[in-house]
Structures are given as C-alpha cells and as structure tokens.
Protein backbone atom coordinates (compact mmCIF):
# COMPACT_ATOMS: atom_id res chain seq x y z
CA MET A 1 -53.51 20.83 -31.17
CA ARG A 2 -54.67 21.22 -34.59
CA TRP A 3 -58.13 20.33 -34.89
CA PRO A 4 -59.48 18.57 -38.33
CA SER A 5 -60.58 20.90 -41.19
CA PHE A 6 -64.17 20.94 -42.10
CA LYS A 7 -63.46 18.43 -45.09
CA THR A 8 -61.87 16.40 -42.81
CA TRP A 9 -64.94 16.31 -40.70
CA ILE A 10 -67.21 16.02 -43.97
CA SER A 11 -65.22 12.80 -44.60
CA ILE A 12 -65.28 11.18 -41.78
CA VAL A 13 -68.98 11.86 -41.35
CA THR A 14 -69.59 10.14 -44.54
CA ALA A 15 -67.20 7.17 -44.07
CA VAL A 16 -69.14 6.63 -40.86
CA LEU A 17 -72.23 6.69 -42.59
CA VAL A 18 -71.34 4.35 -45.04
CA ALA A 19 -70.03 2.41 -42.09
CA VAL A 20 -73.25 2.12 -40.57
CA ILE A 21 -75.19 1.44 -44.03
CA ILE A 22 -72.96 -1.48 -44.26
CA TRP A 23 -73.62 -2.68 -40.59
CA GLN A 24 -77.68 -2.43 -41.06
CA ALA A 25 -77.36 -4.21 -44.43
CA TRP A 26 -74.88 -6.75 -43.61
CA PRO A 27 -77.10 -9.62 -42.77
CA SER A 28 -78.96 -9.13 -46.17
CA VAL A 29 -75.46 -8.91 -47.75
CA VAL A 30 -74.56 -12.44 -46.22
CA ASP A 31 -77.78 -13.71 -47.44
CA ALA A 32 -77.30 -12.75 -50.87
CA TRP A 33 -74.51 -14.49 -51.05
CA HIS A 34 -75.99 -17.80 -50.12
CA SER A 35 -78.52 -17.13 -52.22
CA LEU A 36 -75.54 -17.10 -55.19
CA ALA A 37 -75.75 -20.82 -56.05
CA ASP A 38 -79.26 -20.45 -57.15
CA VAL A 39 -78.75 -17.65 -59.71
CA ASN A 40 -78.21 -17.83 -63.26
CA LEU A 41 -75.11 -15.47 -63.44
CA TRP A 42 -75.57 -14.74 -67.08
CA ILE A 43 -78.82 -13.22 -66.45
CA PHE A 44 -77.63 -11.49 -63.05
CA VAL A 45 -74.50 -10.02 -64.48
CA LEU A 46 -77.30 -7.49 -66.56
CA LEU A 47 -77.66 -5.61 -63.17
CA LEU A 48 -74.44 -3.82 -63.60
CA PRO A 49 -75.31 -2.16 -67.29
CA ALA A 50 -78.74 -1.49 -65.87
CA GLN A 51 -77.19 -0.03 -62.84
CA LEU A 52 -74.93 2.35 -64.90
CA ALA A 53 -77.61 3.12 -67.35
CA SER A 54 -79.71 4.41 -64.81
CA TYR A 55 -77.12 6.59 -63.24
CA ALA A 56 -76.15 8.06 -66.65
CA ALA A 57 -79.82 8.80 -67.55
CA THR A 58 -80.45 10.27 -63.55
CA GLY A 59 -77.69 12.77 -64.70
CA GLU A 60 -79.01 13.35 -67.99
CA ALA A 61 -81.84 14.66 -66.84
CA LEU A 62 -80.36 17.23 -64.63
CA PHE A 63 -77.89 18.43 -67.32
CA SER A 64 -80.43 18.69 -70.11
CA PHE A 65 -82.35 21.04 -68.21
CA LEU A 66 -79.19 22.91 -67.01
CA ARG A 67 -78.08 23.08 -70.92
CA ALA A 68 -81.58 24.20 -72.07
CA ARG A 69 -80.95 27.02 -69.33
CA GLY A 70 -77.68 27.56 -71.21
CA GLU A 71 -75.32 26.03 -68.48
CA LEU A 72 -72.93 23.14 -68.57
CA ARG A 73 -72.74 23.41 -72.66
CA GLY A 74 -69.93 21.40 -73.84
CA MET A 75 -69.66 18.89 -71.15
CA ARG A 76 -68.01 15.86 -71.95
CA PRO A 77 -69.88 12.18 -71.76
CA LEU A 78 -67.14 10.80 -69.33
CA THR A 79 -67.68 14.04 -66.97
CA ALA A 80 -71.39 13.79 -67.33
CA MET A 81 -70.95 10.00 -65.95
CA ARG A 82 -68.25 11.01 -63.42
CA MET A 83 -71.00 13.68 -61.84
CA SER A 84 -73.97 11.38 -62.17
CA LEU A 85 -72.23 8.54 -60.03
CA GLU A 86 -71.04 11.05 -57.40
CA PHE A 87 -74.44 12.62 -57.29
CA ASN A 88 -76.25 9.25 -57.06
CA PHE A 89 -74.08 8.29 -54.01
CA ALA A 90 -74.76 11.75 -52.19
CA ASN A 91 -78.46 11.43 -52.59
CA HIS A 92 -78.60 7.66 -51.69
CA MET A 93 -75.79 7.46 -48.93
CA LEU A 94 -76.50 10.50 -46.91
CA PRO A 95 -79.53 11.10 -44.67
CA SER A 96 -82.54 13.29 -44.37
CA GLY A 97 -84.83 11.71 -46.95
CA GLY A 98 -82.60 13.01 -50.03
CA ALA A 99 -82.26 17.26 -48.70
CA ALA A 100 -78.37 16.47 -47.85
CA GLY A 101 -77.96 14.87 -51.46
CA ILE A 102 -79.75 18.13 -52.76
CA ALA A 103 -77.60 20.26 -50.77
CA TYR A 104 -74.37 18.75 -52.05
CA THR A 105 -75.16 18.47 -55.81
CA SER A 106 -76.27 21.99 -55.48
CA TRP A 107 -72.83 23.01 -53.85
CA LYS A 108 -71.00 20.85 -56.54
CA LEU A 109 -72.80 22.60 -59.32
CA ALA A 110 -72.26 25.89 -57.87
CA THR A 111 -68.52 25.06 -58.04
CA LEU A 112 -69.35 25.07 -61.96
CA GLY A 113 -70.55 28.49 -61.65
CA ILE A 114 -74.26 27.47 -61.33
CA PRO A 115 -76.14 29.78 -58.65
CA ALA A 116 -77.67 27.93 -55.69
CA SER A 117 -81.06 28.75 -56.77
CA ARG A 118 -80.83 27.32 -60.33
CA GLY A 119 -79.11 24.44 -59.09
CA THR A 120 -81.44 23.75 -56.19
CA ILE A 121 -84.34 24.18 -59.07
CA ALA A 122 -82.91 21.84 -61.35
CA GLN A 123 -82.98 18.90 -59.06
CA LEU A 124 -86.37 19.84 -57.91
CA ALA A 125 -87.71 20.30 -61.59
CA LYS A 126 -86.07 16.65 -62.36
CA PHE A 127 -88.07 15.13 -59.60
CA GLY A 128 -90.89 16.99 -60.76
CA VAL A 129 -90.73 15.26 -64.15
CA MET A 130 -89.53 12.05 -62.68
CA PHE A 131 -93.09 11.74 -60.40
CA VAL A 132 -95.24 12.65 -63.30
CA SER A 133 -93.77 9.93 -65.57
CA PHE A 134 -93.66 7.58 -62.67
CA SER A 135 -97.53 8.45 -62.18
CA ILE A 136 -98.01 7.63 -66.09
CA MET A 137 -96.18 4.54 -66.08
CA LEU A 138 -98.10 3.48 -62.69
CA ALA A 139 -101.41 4.02 -64.36
CA LEU A 140 -100.18 1.84 -67.37
CA ALA A 141 -99.11 -0.63 -65.09
CA GLY A 142 -102.55 -0.82 -62.94
CA VAL A 143 -104.64 -1.00 -66.22
CA GLU A 144 -102.08 -3.78 -67.57
CA LEU A 145 -102.51 -5.87 -64.17
CA LEU A 146 -106.31 -5.11 -64.13
CA ILE A 147 -106.95 -6.42 -67.72
CA THR A 148 -104.71 -9.56 -67.23
CA GLY A 149 -105.76 -10.41 -63.54
CA HIS A 150 -102.16 -10.65 -62.48
CA GLY A 151 -102.80 -7.91 -59.75
CA SER A 152 -104.58 -8.29 -56.35
CA THR A 153 -106.73 -5.74 -55.25
CA LYS A 154 -104.35 -4.27 -52.87
CA VAL A 155 -101.71 -3.97 -55.92
CA LEU A 156 -104.15 -2.07 -57.70
CA TRP A 157 -105.05 0.31 -54.75
CA ALA A 158 -101.26 0.88 -53.89
CA ALA A 159 -100.53 1.85 -57.12
CA ALA A 160 -103.53 4.13 -57.58
CA GLY A 161 -102.59 5.73 -54.23
CA ILE A 162 -99.18 6.43 -54.99
CA GLY A 163 -99.69 7.64 -58.43
CA ILE A 164 -102.11 10.29 -57.18
CA ALA A 165 -100.23 11.60 -54.37
CA ALA A 166 -97.12 11.86 -56.76
CA LEU A 167 -99.27 13.87 -58.78
CA VAL A 168 -100.73 16.14 -56.02
CA GLY A 169 -96.98 16.61 -54.54
CA VAL A 170 -95.60 18.04 -57.78
CA GLY A 171 -98.51 20.26 -58.35
CA ALA A 172 -98.21 21.49 -54.52
CA GLY A 173 -94.54 21.77 -55.10
CA VAL A 174 -95.19 24.25 -57.91
CA TRP A 175 -97.68 26.19 -56.04
CA ILE A 176 -95.52 26.67 -53.28
CA LEU A 177 -92.73 27.80 -55.44
CA GLY A 178 -94.92 30.08 -57.33
CA ARG A 179 -96.12 32.36 -54.02
CA ARG A 180 -93.20 34.67 -53.07
CA ARG A 181 -94.91 35.62 -50.17
CA LEU A 182 -95.27 32.15 -48.97
CA LEU A 183 -91.62 31.20 -49.58
CA HIS A 184 -90.71 34.66 -47.46
CA ARG A 185 -92.69 33.01 -44.51
CA VAL A 186 -91.07 29.43 -44.87
CA ALA A 187 -87.46 31.03 -44.96
CA GLY A 188 -88.65 33.33 -41.81
CA VAL A 189 -89.55 30.28 -40.19
CA ALA A 190 -86.44 28.39 -41.10
CA LEU A 191 -84.02 31.18 -39.92
CA ARG A 192 -85.52 31.04 -36.48
CA VAL A 193 -85.14 27.65 -36.09
CA ALA A 194 -81.63 27.54 -37.28
CA ARG A 195 -80.68 30.89 -34.93
CA TRP A 196 -82.57 28.81 -32.00
CA GLY A 197 -80.32 25.94 -32.90
CA MET A 198 -76.99 27.87 -33.17
CA ARG A 199 -77.90 29.61 -29.55
CA VAL A 200 -78.42 26.17 -28.15
CA VAL A 201 -74.44 24.91 -29.27
CA ARG A 202 -73.52 28.74 -28.40
CA ALA A 203 -72.10 29.33 -31.92
CA ARG A 204 -70.68 32.71 -32.10
CA ARG A 205 -71.08 33.64 -35.93
CA PRO A 206 -74.56 35.47 -36.62
CA LEU A 207 -76.78 34.04 -39.20
CA ASP A 208 -77.48 36.74 -41.95
CA ALA A 209 -81.04 36.51 -43.62
CA VAL A 210 -80.24 38.17 -46.76
CA PRO A 211 -78.38 35.16 -48.26
CA LEU A 212 -81.47 33.10 -47.64
CA VAL A 213 -84.04 35.68 -48.79
CA ARG A 214 -82.08 36.02 -52.05
CA PHE A 215 -82.14 32.09 -52.52
CA VAL A 216 -85.50 31.88 -52.25
CA ASP A 217 -86.52 34.79 -54.68
CA GLY A 218 -84.12 33.04 -56.93
CA LEU A 219 -86.16 29.72 -56.63
CA HIS A 220 -89.54 31.80 -57.20
CA LEU A 221 -87.76 33.50 -60.66
CA GLU A 222 -86.72 30.13 -61.63
CA VAL A 223 -90.14 28.83 -61.54
CA ARG A 224 -91.63 31.69 -63.34
CA GLU A 225 -89.09 31.38 -65.86
CA ILE A 226 -89.97 27.65 -66.08
CA LEU A 227 -93.98 27.91 -66.51
CA ALA A 228 -92.77 30.87 -69.19
CA ARG A 229 -91.04 28.72 -71.27
CA PRO A 230 -91.61 25.08 -70.43
CA ARG A 231 -89.56 23.75 -73.21
CA SER A 232 -86.57 23.25 -70.95
CA LEU A 233 -88.43 20.58 -69.12
CA VAL A 234 -88.98 18.09 -72.31
CA ALA A 235 -85.65 16.55 -72.63
CA PRO A 236 -85.69 15.69 -68.94
CA PHE A 237 -88.88 14.41 -68.99
CA LEU A 238 -88.08 12.10 -71.89
CA TRP A 239 -85.06 11.24 -69.85
CA SER A 240 -87.33 10.43 -66.45
CA PHE A 241 -88.98 7.59 -68.47
CA VAL A 242 -85.71 6.19 -69.21
CA ILE A 243 -85.13 6.39 -65.32
CA ASN A 244 -87.76 4.76 -64.22
CA THR A 245 -87.60 2.04 -66.70
CA CYS A 246 -83.95 1.18 -65.64
CA ASP A 247 -84.77 0.98 -61.84
CA ALA A 248 -87.36 -1.13 -61.91
CA ALA A 249 -85.93 -3.32 -64.28
CA LEU A 250 -82.90 -3.97 -61.84
CA PHE A 251 -85.44 -6.00 -59.57
CA TRP A 252 -87.06 -7.76 -62.81
CA ILE A 253 -83.62 -8.78 -63.83
CA ALA A 254 -82.91 -10.06 -59.86
CA LEU A 255 -86.28 -12.10 -60.38
CA ALA A 256 -85.29 -13.60 -63.69
CA SER A 257 -81.68 -14.55 -62.34
CA PHE A 258 -83.96 -16.69 -59.95
CA GLY A 259 -85.88 -18.24 -62.94
CA VAL A 260 -88.82 -16.20 -62.43
CA TYR A 261 -90.19 -13.94 -64.62
CA PRO A 262 -92.91 -11.78 -63.48
CA ASP A 263 -95.51 -9.40 -65.09
CA PRO A 264 -93.19 -6.28 -65.56
CA ALA A 265 -96.34 -4.04 -64.38
CA LEU A 266 -96.30 -6.19 -61.07
CA VAL A 267 -92.35 -5.16 -60.72
CA PHE A 268 -92.98 -1.39 -61.53
CA VAL A 269 -95.58 -0.90 -59.02
CA ALA A 270 -93.59 -3.00 -56.32
CA TYR A 271 -90.58 -0.89 -57.04
CA GLY A 272 -92.72 2.24 -56.69
CA VAL A 273 -94.39 1.42 -53.90
CA ALA A 274 -91.22 0.65 -52.04
CA THR A 275 -89.50 3.84 -53.46
CA VAL A 276 -92.06 6.20 -51.71
CA ALA A 277 -91.25 4.16 -48.76
CA SER A 278 -87.70 4.63 -48.84
CA MET A 279 -88.34 8.72 -49.11
CA ILE A 280 -90.50 8.53 -46.32
CA ILE A 281 -88.11 6.48 -43.74
CA VAL A 282 -85.31 8.94 -43.96
CA THR A 283 -82.95 6.31 -43.13
CA PRO A 284 -79.80 6.12 -45.70
CA ASN A 285 -80.73 4.35 -48.61
CA GLY A 286 -83.89 3.66 -47.03
CA VAL A 287 -82.21 0.66 -45.70
CA GLY A 288 -84.86 -1.74 -43.98
CA ALA A 289 -88.17 -0.40 -45.38
CA TYR A 290 -87.56 -0.37 -48.81
CA GLU A 291 -87.09 -4.37 -48.80
CA VAL A 292 -89.86 -5.14 -46.63
CA VAL A 293 -92.35 -3.04 -48.72
CA MET A 294 -91.15 -4.38 -52.10
CA VAL A 295 -91.02 -7.90 -50.65
CA ALA A 296 -95.13 -7.49 -49.18
CA THR A 297 -95.91 -6.41 -52.80
CA PHE A 298 -94.87 -8.90 -54.72
CA VAL A 299 -96.40 -11.63 -52.45
CA ALA A 300 -99.56 -9.78 -52.68
CA GLY A 301 -99.28 -9.87 -56.61
CA GLY A 302 -98.45 -13.79 -56.19
CA LEU A 303 -95.14 -14.44 -56.17
CA ASP A 304 -93.35 -16.98 -54.09
CA PRO A 305 -92.48 -15.24 -50.79
CA SER A 306 -88.80 -17.22 -50.33
CA VAL A 307 -87.71 -16.64 -54.14
CA THR A 308 -89.34 -12.94 -53.97
CA ILE A 309 -87.09 -12.26 -50.49
CA ALA A 310 -83.61 -13.81 -51.98
CA ALA A 311 -84.12 -11.86 -55.30
CA VAL A 312 -84.67 -8.48 -53.86
CA VAL A 313 -82.23 -9.28 -50.87
CA LEU A 314 -79.65 -9.93 -53.51
CA ALA A 315 -80.15 -7.17 -56.17
CA ARG A 316 -80.46 -4.57 -52.95
CA ALA A 317 -77.07 -6.06 -52.07
CA VAL A 318 -75.26 -5.19 -55.14
CA LEU A 319 -76.95 -2.05 -55.71
CA LEU A 320 -75.83 -0.80 -52.91
CA LEU A 321 -72.25 -2.13 -53.47
CA GLY A 322 -72.33 -0.35 -56.85
CA THR A 323 -73.73 2.79 -55.44
CA ILE A 324 -70.65 3.02 -53.18
CA VAL A 325 -68.17 1.66 -55.34
CA PHE A 326 -68.94 3.99 -58.26
CA GLY A 327 -69.82 7.14 -56.39
CA TRP A 328 -67.66 7.03 -53.05
CA GLY A 329 -64.51 7.92 -54.70
CA PHE A 330 -65.32 10.85 -56.86
CA TYR A 331 -67.50 11.93 -53.96
CA GLN A 332 -64.45 12.07 -51.62
CA HIS A 333 -62.53 13.82 -54.54
CA SER A 334 -64.86 16.61 -54.43
CA VAL A 335 -64.96 17.11 -50.60
CA VAL A 336 -61.30 16.89 -50.37
CA THR A 337 -60.45 19.52 -53.35
CA ALA A 338 -63.53 21.51 -53.30
CA LYS A 339 -63.04 21.86 -57.09
CA ALA A 340 -64.97 21.72 -60.48
CA PRO A 341 -64.32 19.30 -63.02
CA GLY A 342 -61.48 20.83 -65.04
CA LEU A 343 -62.09 23.17 -68.10
CA SER A 344 -60.99 22.27 -71.76
CA ARG A 345 -58.88 24.79 -73.58
CA ARG A 346 -62.34 25.93 -75.09
CA GLY A 347 -63.84 26.71 -71.75
CA THR A 348 -66.22 23.60 -71.63
CA VAL A 349 -66.70 21.34 -68.81
CA ALA A 350 -63.97 18.17 -69.22
C-alpha cells in the first residue's frame, strides 16, 4: 500500500481546516443570508472591489520591499495579484496566529530564489510598518472621536491601548532581531523543543542545528541592512496606509448597506480592536472572537446592536467566502506543483 505524498497530506490538512472554518462560521453565514433582504445591494457590492484592493495593497507592501532589495524585479501585475491572493489565503486560513502563513509565504518566495531569511524579514517588515501606520491612524481616529464626541471612554481607551501596544511590539521585535546572541539562544531553545518532539513521535531523522543558525544569522544581517538603509521601508509604509484604510472600509460599507453611516474613526477603532483580538485567538481567521469584539466596540460607540450584528456577520461571511474563493485555487496549485510562477523570456517573473 502506497502512502499519500507529503504534498497530498498538506492539501488534505488544508481542506480539513477550510471545512472546519466553514462549519464554525456556518450559523453566521445563515444569518447573513437572511439579512440580505434588508441590504442595499448597490452599496453592498462595493465590498468586492474593496476586498480585492486590500489584497493587492497587501501584496505590494511585501513586493515593494523585496524590489527595493533587488528581488522580484519585473514582476507582472497579474502575477503579483495572484500571489497576493494566495498569501492572503495562507495568512487567514492557516492557524497559529499567522506563523503558518509566514512560513508558507517564505517557502513560496524561496521558489523564486529569495533566501528564507530575506523572505521572512520582508514579511516582518511589512507587519512592522503596518503596525506603525495603524498606530498613527488609531491616534488620529481617537482625536477625531474626542473632538466630535462620538466615542465613549471605553472606545478611546481601547484605541490608545492598542496603538501603544502596536508600537511597543514593533520596537521589541527590532530590538530582539538586532541581538545576535539572543537570537541564537532562542534558536537553541526552539531546537531543543523540536528534538524533544521528534523523540516523542520516535522520528529517526536527526535535526541539524546548522541551517537554523544560518537562518537566524540571516535575519540579524537583514535587520542591520534595513537599519543602515531604511529607504527600502518607504514604499511598504505608504502601502500600509492603503491596506488599513481598505480593511476598515469593508465594515463601513457593510454598515452603510444597512442604512447606517457611522463615523469612519469609530469604524477604524472597532476594526483595530477586532484585529488584535483575532491575532491573540489563534483559531483560523479569528472566527468567533473577531465578530464579538467588533460588535462590542460598535455598541460601545453608540450603534444599534441588532443592525451592527447583522452588518458585521454579513461582511465577515462575504470576506470569508472571498478569501477561500480567490485564494484556495492558487494555494493548491503551489502546493501540488511546488513551483514558482513561470519566467518570461527576459528572465522576469511572469
């Protein structure tokens, strides 16, 4: 009897994860279907271009950094969009709080000849500039809510706390990656844990420490290069404002389709609080926690609970469907073929 290949197992596991996500979200999908009768479809259909714009901007934040480092030059727009959809699927559908998505994206970039350390640091840099721009936008939203009086004390404190936490997280990440000895210690702990796990499952293949040390050394060198030449972060930083704006706009559109036009500042704060909650809760796509936290923030900001629940549930159901429909096919193709996008005659990414 022939056992399925590793690629087949990856495809099976992913399919199971998607099925679990759909099963968990199915009550919300049913509720969303019933609420369609109260929706202005002309406004609601704007969710699709807004979602695609968010995916494209997320990809550009990553690709612009790599292009600034001399990688992926000549990548065609359609290829960039395809990879953006694929990476978005991996980041949102695979569990472990985004770590699995980072590992998958680094593997896919490696098929394009990009070292694992550079592919990983490119993603960390993207998240870093997103958190910084996110904090700036949260601060502006908090000031706007304070001036207009549209935000309660709870909402303002939530905005301040999350903004500060994001900046502290970015600073801590840069500090850790800039300490080579500390990275080696962390790598040593990870290696010991991995070897213990291998003994538990009685795996015969030993784990070599050399590739892991080279990887963390590569991360350290990449960070030093970025700090010496921070210009490579300018384009990703500008794209990060577009990403945060598009992601928050998705829920403003959902509420507007129900005839509710909330203060954009309140929407951004609710989006921020829910996003942080989904990062802490490691369930795929943050199912459950995201909706509850976002609705609670909107209600604290004075919105009607029944309308808010219907709008958030409907938006999340559509976004979940869009993530699966747009990204799963490209993800499956990469896993099955284990190939990078084809190269054009000029040697650029096609």
